[in-house]
Amino acid sequence: MRQVRALRDELVGPSAAPSRAQVQQQILLSSSIERAQRLIDLAEEANEYFDELSVRWQDVRDRLNALRDGVLSRTDQQIISVMKSSFQSQVRDYGLRSVPPTDLSIDESTLVPINDGVELTFDLSMGISASDMIRTKWAYYLALYEAANSSPPNKHAGLLMLDEPRQQETDRGSLAMFVKRLERAAATGCQVIYATSEDRRDLEEVLQNIRAVMLPAADSHLLAPVVG
């Protein structure tokens, strides 16, 4: 009906006036062109997005296919080998006694300590003494850092924070060996924060010839309740 009215007005209007039907048609065509151009732009953006997704999807497929055979890459094998070696050497140096240090290792699939093939749960019922539990944890945390640090692509925060490492009254000789190992980690760029409430004289004995910065608390405890 609008088109009929436009044609009627055009027929009765002055002959020199521009055709309203043509003007209307040009406006409609311009709007159609703009909409078509927006659709083309959206299609191009979608194509770019899906191209990127296809590349990422293919990468994930390739990685999944590589994992299906269950075989670790040579780099992964080297990293785990470093972690195992570090872990075993540490528990031996720290004087582990509950089990033979050679029976402890790192599981390749879970990366947790195992005792003769069985996951080590740090449970006293498993026959591990309390002090040996602490020694094993020292060795594991530090072995994890040393393994990550052995391969540049791996990422580690480069930070080890230890709160009262000498729990369960672990032997001071073991603690001294652990501190020396921590000094080696610090020399590679790791920041080691060691918080303890031990007597300063006892601590200084353990820290002999160890480069460290001591920040003593003003009171007997670092944190104290607010009074008043």
Protein backbone atom coordinates (compact mmCIF):
# COMPACT_ATOMS: atom_id res chain seq x y z
CA MET A 1 0.00 0.00 0.00
CA ARG A 2 2.88 2.37 0.74
CA GLN A 3 4.31 1.69 -2.68
CA VAL A 4 0.90 2.33 -4.32
CA ARG A 5 0.54 5.63 -2.48
CA ALA A 6 4.06 6.64 -3.44
CA LEU A 7 3.36 5.88 -7.10
CA ARG A 8 0.09 7.80 -6.96
CA ASP A 9 1.75 10.86 -5.42
CA GLU A 10 4.44 10.66 -8.07
CA LEU A 11 1.86 10.61 -10.89
CA VAL A 12 -0.02 13.67 -9.62
CA GLY A 13 3.11 15.59 -8.60
CA PRO A 14 5.18 18.00 -10.71
CA SER A 15 7.08 16.34 -13.54
CA ALA A 16 10.36 17.97 -12.54
CA ALA A 17 10.26 16.57 -8.99
CA PRO A 18 12.54 13.54 -8.23
CA SER A 19 10.77 10.20 -8.23
CA ARG A 20 9.83 9.27 -4.67
CA ALA A 21 9.75 5.62 -5.65
CA GLN A 22 13.34 5.81 -6.87
CA VAL A 23 14.44 7.68 -3.75
CA GLN A 24 12.73 5.11 -1.57
CA GLN A 25 14.31 2.29 -3.56
CA GLN A 26 17.77 3.86 -3.20
CA ILE A 27 17.30 4.18 0.55
CA LEU A 28 16.23 0.54 0.79
CA LEU A 29 19.16 -0.55 -1.34
CA SER A 30 21.60 1.48 0.81
CA SER A 31 20.22 -0.10 3.98
CA SER A 32 20.49 -3.55 2.43
CA ILE A 33 24.12 -2.88 1.44
CA GLU A 34 24.99 -1.73 4.97
CA ARG A 35 23.39 -4.81 6.52
CA ALA A 36 25.15 -7.05 4.04
CA GLN A 37 28.50 -5.39 4.81
CA ARG A 38 27.97 -5.87 8.55
CA LEU A 39 27.20 -9.54 7.95
CA ILE A 40 30.35 -9.89 5.84
CA ASP A 41 32.43 -8.27 8.60
CA LEU A 42 30.91 -10.60 11.21
CA ALA A 43 31.57 -13.59 8.98
CA GLU A 44 35.22 -12.59 8.53
CA GLU A 45 35.65 -12.17 12.31
CA ALA A 46 34.03 -15.58 12.86
CA ASN A 47 36.35 -17.14 10.28
CA GLU A 48 39.42 -15.73 12.03
CA TYR A 49 38.13 -16.95 15.41
CA PHE A 50 37.39 -20.44 14.12
CA ASP A 51 40.76 -20.58 12.35
CA GLU A 52 42.43 -19.90 15.68
CA LEU A 53 40.23 -22.49 17.40
CA SER A 54 41.07 -25.09 14.77
CA VAL A 55 44.79 -24.59 15.35
CA ARG A 56 44.35 -24.93 19.12
CA TRP A 57 42.06 -27.94 18.67
CA GLN A 58 44.61 -29.69 16.47
CA ASP A 59 47.33 -28.97 19.02
CA VAL A 60 45.22 -30.51 21.80
CA ARG A 61 44.47 -33.54 19.61
CA ASP A 62 48.16 -34.04 18.90
CA ARG A 63 49.02 -33.78 22.59
CA LEU A 64 46.25 -36.22 23.52
CA ASN A 65 47.45 -38.67 20.90
CA ALA A 66 50.96 -38.38 22.28
CA LEU A 67 49.67 -39.20 25.77
CA ARG A 68 47.63 -42.24 24.80
CA ASP A 69 50.65 -44.50 24.54
CA GLY A 70 51.52 -43.67 28.16
CA VAL A 71 55.15 -43.04 27.27
CA LEU A 72 56.81 -40.01 28.82
CA SER A 73 58.81 -37.70 26.63
CA ARG A 74 62.58 -37.73 27.00
CA THR A 75 62.44 -34.34 28.70
CA ASP A 76 59.83 -35.53 31.21
CA GLN A 77 61.86 -38.64 31.91
CA GLN A 78 64.94 -36.54 32.62
CA ILE A 79 63.00 -34.24 34.97
CA ILE A 80 61.51 -37.16 36.92
CA SER A 81 64.92 -38.79 37.06
CA VAL A 82 66.36 -35.64 38.64
CA MET A 83 63.49 -35.56 41.14
CA LYS A 84 63.98 -39.22 42.08
CA SER A 85 67.73 -38.83 42.47
CA SER A 86 67.35 -35.67 44.55
CA PHE A 87 64.69 -37.23 46.77
CA GLN A 88 66.62 -40.42 47.43
CA SER A 89 69.91 -38.66 48.10
CA GLN A 90 68.25 -36.31 50.55
CA VAL A 91 66.45 -38.93 52.64
CA ARG A 92 69.76 -40.78 52.80
CA ASP A 93 71.69 -37.67 53.85
CA TYR A 94 69.06 -36.70 56.42
CA GLY A 95 69.41 -40.08 58.13
CA LEU A 96 66.09 -41.75 57.36
CA ARG A 97 65.84 -44.86 59.55
CA SER A 98 62.25 -46.19 59.45
CA VAL A 99 62.70 -47.68 55.97
CA PRO A 100 65.71 -48.16 53.71
CA PRO A 101 66.16 -44.94 51.68
CA THR A 102 66.57 -47.04 48.54
CA ASP A 103 62.95 -48.27 48.98
CA LEU A 104 61.64 -44.71 48.55
CA SER A 105 61.11 -43.18 45.14
CA ILE A 106 58.80 -40.91 43.14
CA ASP A 107 55.86 -42.31 41.21
CA GLU A 108 56.07 -41.29 37.54
CA SER A 109 52.31 -40.86 37.08
CA THR A 110 51.35 -39.08 40.33
CA LEU A 111 54.73 -37.53 41.26
CA VAL A 112 54.19 -38.45 44.92
CA PRO A 113 56.62 -40.37 47.13
CA ILE A 114 56.22 -44.14 47.15
CA ASN A 115 57.60 -46.76 49.50
CA ASP A 116 58.57 -49.91 47.62
CA GLY A 117 55.84 -49.19 45.05
CA VAL A 118 53.15 -48.17 47.59
CA GLU A 119 52.15 -44.52 47.94
CA LEU A 120 53.69 -42.98 51.03
CA THR A 121 50.85 -41.46 53.05
CA PHE A 122 52.91 -39.91 55.87
CA ASP A 123 50.84 -41.98 58.25
CA LEU A 124 52.34 -43.26 61.51
CA SER A 125 50.39 -46.47 61.07
CA MET A 126 52.51 -47.20 58.01
CA GLY A 127 55.56 -47.64 60.21
CA ILE A 128 57.16 -44.26 59.47
CA SER A 129 58.40 -42.46 62.57
CA ALA A 130 57.32 -38.87 63.18
CA SER A 131 60.84 -37.52 62.67
CA ASP A 132 61.25 -39.53 59.47
CA MET A 133 57.96 -38.10 58.20
CA ILE A 134 59.52 -34.64 58.56
CA ARG A 135 62.73 -35.75 56.82
CA THR A 136 60.71 -37.18 53.93
CA LYS A 137 58.72 -33.97 53.54
CA TRP A 138 61.91 -31.91 53.52
CA ALA A 139 63.29 -34.11 50.78
CA TYR A 140 60.10 -34.04 48.70
CA TYR A 141 59.57 -30.27 48.70
CA LEU A 142 63.20 -29.57 47.88
CA ALA A 143 63.36 -32.33 45.25
CA LEU A 144 60.34 -30.77 43.53
CA TYR A 145 62.15 -27.44 43.31
CA GLU A 146 65.42 -28.98 42.13
CA ALA A 147 63.63 -30.97 39.42
CA ALA A 148 61.75 -27.91 38.17
CA ASN A 149 64.92 -25.85 38.24
CA SER A 150 66.79 -28.47 36.20
CA SER A 151 64.69 -27.78 33.08
CA PRO A 152 64.25 -24.15 31.86
CA PRO A 153 60.72 -24.65 30.39
CA ASN A 154 59.40 -25.65 33.82
CA LYS A 155 57.96 -23.04 36.11
CA HIS A 156 58.51 -22.80 39.83
CA ALA A 157 57.67 -19.89 42.09
CA GLY A 158 61.29 -19.86 43.24
CA LEU A 159 60.08 -19.62 46.82
CA LEU A 160 60.30 -22.10 49.70
CA MET A 161 58.58 -21.15 52.96
CA LEU A 162 59.20 -23.39 55.94
CA ASP A 163 57.38 -23.00 59.25
CA GLU A 164 59.12 -24.77 62.12
CA PRO A 165 60.98 -27.28 59.93
CA ARG A 166 62.43 -29.03 63.00
CA GLN A 167 59.16 -30.54 64.15
CA GLN A 168 59.06 -33.76 66.19
CA GLU A 169 62.48 -32.78 67.58
CA THR A 170 64.22 -34.01 64.46
CA ASP A 171 67.92 -34.65 64.92
CA ARG A 172 70.06 -31.51 64.61
CA GLY A 173 72.49 -33.29 62.34
CA SER A 174 69.64 -33.97 59.92
CA LEU A 175 68.54 -30.35 60.18
CA ALA A 176 72.07 -29.14 59.44
CA MET A 177 72.18 -31.24 56.27
CA PHE A 178 68.79 -29.88 55.24
CA VAL A 179 69.91 -26.28 55.78
CA LYS A 180 72.99 -26.88 53.63
CA ARG A 181 70.75 -28.20 50.87
CA LEU A 182 68.54 -25.13 51.24
CA GLU A 183 71.63 -22.95 50.80
CA ARG A 184 72.28 -24.69 47.48
CA ALA A 185 68.71 -23.90 46.39
CA ALA A 186 69.17 -20.27 47.43
CA ALA A 187 72.33 -20.08 45.36
CA THR A 188 70.29 -20.95 42.25
CA GLY A 189 67.90 -18.04 42.85
CA CYS A 190 65.31 -19.59 45.15
CA GLN A 191 64.15 -17.44 48.05
CA VAL A 192 64.08 -19.48 51.25
CA ILE A 193 62.09 -18.23 54.24
CA TYR A 194 62.69 -20.25 57.39
CA ALA A 195 60.50 -19.43 60.39
CA THR A 196 61.35 -20.99 63.75
CA SER A 197 60.98 -20.42 67.48
CA GLU A 198 64.22 -22.22 68.32
CA ASP A 199 66.71 -20.71 70.70
CA ARG A 200 68.99 -18.31 68.86
CA ARG A 201 72.16 -20.04 70.08
CA ASP A 202 70.93 -23.42 68.85
CA LEU A 203 69.93 -21.89 65.54
CA GLU A 204 73.30 -20.20 65.07
CA GLU A 205 74.96 -23.56 65.62
CA VAL A 206 72.96 -25.06 62.74
CA LEU A 207 73.61 -22.01 60.55
CA GLN A 208 77.39 -22.11 60.87
CA ASN A 209 79.01 -21.16 57.55
CA ILE A 210 75.54 -20.71 56.02
CA ARG A 211 74.75 -17.36 54.40
CA ALA A 212 71.48 -16.18 55.92
CA VAL A 213 69.78 -13.01 57.07
CA MET A 214 68.20 -13.29 60.51
CA LEU A 215 65.13 -11.21 61.32
CA PRO A 216 64.42 -11.86 65.00
CA ALA A 217 61.00 -11.04 66.43
CA ALA A 218 60.82 -8.34 69.07
CA ASP A 219 59.18 -10.73 71.54
CA SER A 220 59.18 -14.45 72.16
CA HIS A 221 56.63 -14.92 69.38
CA LEU A 222 56.28 -13.34 65.96
CA LEU A 223 52.50 -13.05 66.42
CA ALA A 224 51.02 -12.03 69.73
CA PRO A 225 47.48 -11.20 70.90
CA VAL A 226 46.46 -7.56 71.05
CA VAL A 227 46.17 -6.39 74.66
CA GLY A 228 43.71 -3.65 75.62
